[in-house]
Amino acid sequence: MDAPKFIDLTTDFGFKRIFGSETSKEFLKSFLNELFHGRKHIADFHYGKNEHVGEAEEVGTVIFDLLCTADSGETFLIEVQRSTQRNLKRRMLYYGSKLIADMAPKGDRSRWNYAISEVYIIVLMDGFAMPDHESDGRYIHEIGLCDTHTGKIFYKQLGYTYIELIKFDKEEVELQTDLDRWLYVLKNITTLKKLSVYLRKPIFERLIDIAAYTKLNKEE
């Protein structure tokens, strides 16, 4: 096989290089805005610390892949998984709960009055399907708290989005939206030699330029 021209964006190094840098935050902003398709518009954001220490020694430290907070207050946690995990759903539930719990002040919680910001966990799964989930052909699953009898949303400000790249099987000619293009690039960038006409947009031209192996230094 020919050596790839571009770094794999679903590796820890590749994902953080492209989506976790202040100099290239436009890529994460574009991806999130496309993923929320109008329900959210992120004008700008700042990166948060990815290491959260437990309040007690036995709780341990949680290390997130990528954490950012939009200027409008929403917190987004993006996790990339490349191998199946039996406890994936519980782990993400714990991560979301951890983020919410860390918002509480250490004292005077009565004045705080549970002023919880919106929290969204995005799980990008490469190479495996979501465990314990009946396949229905969808590759994006948006999970929230709802009334199980009526299906009505009970609480809007906590959401989980699972993306199964293994189920995204569109060819380049079938790409219709920028979200389609993002998922195609995330899944197939290591097999690309150049951008086709179906991907030729400014955001992806800049992405390909930065993701090229020729742009890495020797250490990288």
Protein backbone atom coordinates (compact mmCIF):
# COMPACT_ATOMS: atom_id res chain seq x y z
CA MET A 1 0.00 0.00 0.00
CA ASP A 2 1.14 3.56 -0.67
CA ALA A 3 2.13 5.56 2.39
CA PRO A 4 -0.66 7.98 3.40
CA LYS A 5 -0.21 11.66 2.57
CA PHE A 6 -2.29 12.91 5.51
CA ILE A 7 -2.34 12.13 9.21
CA ASP A 8 -5.16 10.04 10.68
CA LEU A 9 -7.57 12.45 12.37
CA THR A 10 -9.00 9.82 14.71
CA THR A 11 -5.67 9.11 16.41
CA ASP A 12 -4.97 11.00 19.61
CA PHE A 13 -2.16 12.97 17.96
CA GLY A 14 -4.04 13.71 14.75
CA PHE A 15 -7.27 14.73 16.44
CA LYS A 16 -5.63 17.09 18.91
CA ARG A 17 -3.33 18.59 16.29
CA ILE A 18 -6.23 19.50 14.01
CA PHE A 19 -9.05 20.17 16.48
CA GLY A 20 -7.26 21.05 19.72
CA SER A 21 -5.07 23.98 18.73
CA GLU A 22 -5.81 27.68 19.12
CA THR A 23 -4.29 28.30 15.70
CA SER A 24 -6.70 25.90 14.02
CA LYS A 25 -9.82 26.16 16.20
CA GLU A 26 -11.83 27.05 13.09
CA PHE A 27 -11.98 23.32 12.30
CA LEU A 28 -13.60 22.35 15.58
CA LYS A 29 -15.99 25.31 15.36
CA SER A 30 -17.03 24.28 11.85
CA PHE A 31 -17.49 20.63 12.81
CA LEU A 32 -19.59 21.42 15.91
CA ASN A 33 -21.80 23.92 14.07
CA GLU A 34 -22.47 21.37 11.35
CA LEU A 35 -23.14 18.63 13.90
CA PHE A 36 -25.74 20.74 15.72
CA HIS A 37 -27.24 21.80 12.36
CA GLY A 38 -28.86 25.05 13.49
CA ARG A 39 -29.78 24.05 17.04
CA LYS A 40 -26.57 25.72 18.19
CA HIS A 41 -24.38 28.36 16.63
CA ILE A 42 -20.92 28.63 18.11
CA ALA A 43 -19.38 32.00 17.29
CA ASP A 44 -16.25 31.38 19.35
CA PHE A 45 -14.99 29.23 22.21
CA HIS A 46 -12.03 28.66 24.48
CA TYR A 47 -10.33 25.39 25.30
CA GLY A 48 -10.63 24.04 28.84
CA LYS A 49 -8.30 21.85 30.82
CA ASN A 50 -8.63 18.18 29.92
CA GLU A 51 -7.51 16.86 33.31
CA HIS A 52 -10.06 16.89 36.13
CA VAL A 53 -8.83 15.77 39.52
CA GLY A 54 -11.21 13.90 41.83
CA GLU A 55 -12.24 15.55 45.10
CA ALA A 56 -10.98 12.54 47.02
CA GLU A 57 -7.79 10.56 46.39
CA GLU A 58 -9.67 7.33 45.80
CA VAL A 59 -11.80 8.95 43.07
CA GLY A 60 -8.81 9.49 40.80
CA THR A 61 -8.26 11.83 37.88
CA VAL A 62 -10.35 11.96 34.72
CA ILE A 63 -8.56 12.93 31.51
CA PHE A 64 -10.76 14.07 28.65
CA ASP A 65 -9.76 14.06 24.98
CA LEU A 66 -10.91 17.59 24.19
CA LEU A 67 -12.96 20.08 26.18
CA CYS A 68 -14.14 23.53 25.15
CA THR A 69 -16.64 26.13 26.30
CA ALA A 70 -18.47 28.39 23.88
CA ASP A 71 -18.69 32.11 24.52
CA SER A 72 -22.42 31.63 25.03
CA GLY A 73 -21.72 29.25 27.94
CA GLU A 74 -22.19 25.74 26.58
CA THR A 75 -19.55 23.13 27.39
CA PHE A 76 -18.61 20.57 24.74
CA LEU A 77 -16.65 17.42 25.50
CA ILE A 78 -15.38 15.55 22.44
CA GLU A 79 -14.14 11.99 22.93
CA VAL A 80 -12.57 9.82 20.23
CA GLN A 81 -12.69 6.04 20.60
CA ARG A 82 -10.95 3.61 18.24
CA SER A 83 -11.74 0.31 19.98
CA THR A 84 -14.99 -1.02 21.34
CA GLN A 85 -15.69 -0.71 25.06
CA ARG A 86 -18.36 -2.59 26.93
CA ASN A 87 -18.83 0.28 29.38
CA LEU A 88 -18.76 3.11 26.83
CA LYS A 89 -22.23 4.44 27.66
CA ARG A 90 -21.61 4.39 31.41
CA ARG A 91 -18.23 6.03 30.96
CA MET A 92 -19.71 8.90 28.95
CA LEU A 93 -22.53 9.27 31.48
CA TYR A 94 -19.89 9.57 34.19
CA TYR A 95 -17.96 12.15 32.17
CA GLY A 96 -21.06 14.28 31.72
CA SER A 97 -21.92 14.00 35.40
CA LYS A 98 -18.34 14.91 36.30
CA LEU A 99 -18.51 18.09 34.24
CA ILE A 100 -21.79 19.11 35.88
CA ALA A 101 -20.55 18.31 39.40
CA ASP A 102 -17.41 20.38 38.84
CA MET A 103 -19.54 23.46 38.17
CA ALA A 104 -20.68 23.57 41.78
CA PRO A 105 -18.72 25.98 44.02
CA LYS A 106 -16.91 24.58 47.04
CA GLY A 107 -19.00 26.70 49.37
CA ASP A 108 -22.18 28.81 49.54
CA ARG A 109 -24.12 26.59 47.14
CA SER A 110 -27.39 28.23 48.14
CA ARG A 111 -26.37 31.42 46.32
CA TRP A 112 -25.22 29.34 43.34
CA ASN A 113 -28.77 27.94 43.07
CA TYR A 114 -27.73 25.12 40.69
CA ALA A 115 -26.80 27.47 37.84
CA ILE A 116 -25.72 24.60 35.60
CA SER A 117 -24.46 25.44 32.13
CA GLU A 118 -25.40 23.38 29.10
CA VAL A 119 -23.25 20.27 28.67
CA TYR A 120 -22.88 18.22 25.49
CA ILE A 121 -20.79 15.08 25.06
CA ILE A 122 -19.81 14.10 21.51
CA VAL A 123 -18.40 10.60 21.04
CA LEU A 124 -16.63 9.90 17.76
CA MET A 125 -16.29 6.14 17.24
CA ASP A 126 -13.93 4.86 14.58
CA GLY A 127 -13.92 1.21 13.52
CA PHE A 128 -16.67 -0.17 15.74
CA ALA A 129 -20.39 0.16 16.33
CA MET A 130 -22.04 1.43 19.49
CA PRO A 131 -22.28 -1.47 21.95
CA ASP A 132 -25.65 -2.79 23.10
CA HIS A 133 -27.50 -0.84 20.45
CA GLU A 134 -29.85 -2.28 17.84
CA SER A 135 -28.73 -1.21 14.38
CA ASP A 136 -31.25 0.82 12.40
CA GLY A 137 -28.95 2.22 9.74
CA ARG A 138 -28.36 5.57 11.45
CA TYR A 139 -24.78 6.63 12.13
CA ILE A 140 -25.55 9.63 14.36
CA HIS A 141 -27.45 9.10 17.60
CA GLU A 142 -28.63 12.10 19.63
CA ILE A 143 -29.46 11.10 23.19
CA GLY A 144 -31.21 13.27 25.78
CA LEU A 145 -33.39 13.16 28.87
CA CYS A 146 -37.02 12.69 27.93
CA ASP A 147 -40.36 11.51 29.27
CA THR A 148 -40.39 7.83 28.31
CA HIS A 149 -44.19 7.85 27.98
CA THR A 150 -44.60 10.83 25.65
CA GLY A 151 -41.10 11.16 24.20
CA LYS A 152 -41.16 14.85 25.11
CA ILE A 153 -37.78 16.31 26.06
CA PHE A 154 -37.58 16.63 29.85
CA TYR A 155 -34.31 18.58 30.07
CA LYS A 156 -32.74 20.25 27.03
CA GLN A 157 -29.36 21.29 28.40
CA LEU A 158 -27.65 17.91 28.57
CA GLY A 159 -27.08 15.86 25.45
CA TYR A 160 -25.01 12.97 24.15
CA THR A 161 -24.17 12.57 20.47
CA TYR A 162 -22.66 9.28 19.30
CA ILE A 163 -21.19 9.12 15.79
CA GLU A 164 -20.50 5.69 14.27
CA LEU A 165 -18.05 6.28 11.44
CA ILE A 166 -18.16 2.58 10.55
CA LYS A 167 -21.77 3.07 9.39
CA PHE A 168 -21.06 6.18 7.35
CA ASP A 169 -20.68 4.68 3.88
CA LYS A 170 -21.38 7.60 1.54
CA GLU A 171 -19.18 7.97 -1.52
CA GLU A 172 -17.74 11.35 -2.47
CA VAL A 173 -20.38 11.91 -5.13
CA GLU A 174 -23.10 11.46 -2.47
CA LEU A 175 -21.81 14.15 -0.12
CA GLN A 176 -24.48 16.84 0.21
CA THR A 177 -23.75 18.79 3.40
CA ASP A 178 -20.62 19.98 5.16
CA LEU A 179 -21.38 17.47 7.92
CA ASP A 180 -21.24 14.73 5.27
CA ARG A 181 -17.88 16.12 4.18
CA TRP A 182 -16.53 16.24 7.72
CA LEU A 183 -17.50 12.63 8.39
CA TYR A 184 -16.07 11.53 5.05
CA VAL A 185 -12.75 13.24 5.75
CA LEU A 186 -12.59 11.90 9.31
CA LYS A 187 -13.11 8.37 8.05
CA ASN A 188 -11.11 8.45 4.80
CA ILE A 189 -8.37 11.06 5.05
CA THR A 190 -5.56 8.47 5.15
CA THR A 191 -6.61 7.16 1.72
CA LEU A 192 -6.93 10.58 0.06
CA LYS A 193 -4.29 11.76 -2.38
CA LYS A 194 -5.89 15.16 -2.95
CA LEU A 195 -9.22 16.92 -2.56
CA SER A 196 -11.84 15.98 -5.11
CA VAL A 197 -14.34 18.47 -6.49
CA TYR A 198 -16.86 17.20 -3.91
CA LEU A 199 -14.63 18.32 -1.02
CA ARG A 200 -13.20 21.46 -2.53
CA LYS A 201 -14.30 24.10 -0.03
CA PRO A 202 -12.03 26.58 1.81
CA ILE A 203 -12.34 24.90 5.23
CA PHE A 204 -11.29 21.50 3.85
CA GLU A 205 -8.54 22.98 1.70
CA ARG A 206 -7.02 24.51 4.85
CA LEU A 207 -7.52 21.25 6.74
CA ILE A 208 -5.73 19.18 4.11
CA ASP A 209 -2.87 21.66 4.05
CA ILE A 210 -2.32 21.39 7.82
CA ALA A 211 -2.88 17.62 7.96
CA ALA A 212 -0.21 16.81 5.37
CA TYR A 213 2.69 14.71 6.63
CA THR A 214 5.03 17.14 4.91
CA LYS A 215 3.93 19.82 7.40
CA LEU A 216 5.13 17.79 10.40
CA ASN A 217 8.52 18.37 11.91
CA LYS A 218 10.86 15.44 12.62
CA GLU A 219 9.73 15.07 16.24
CA GLU A 220 6.06 15.05 15.26
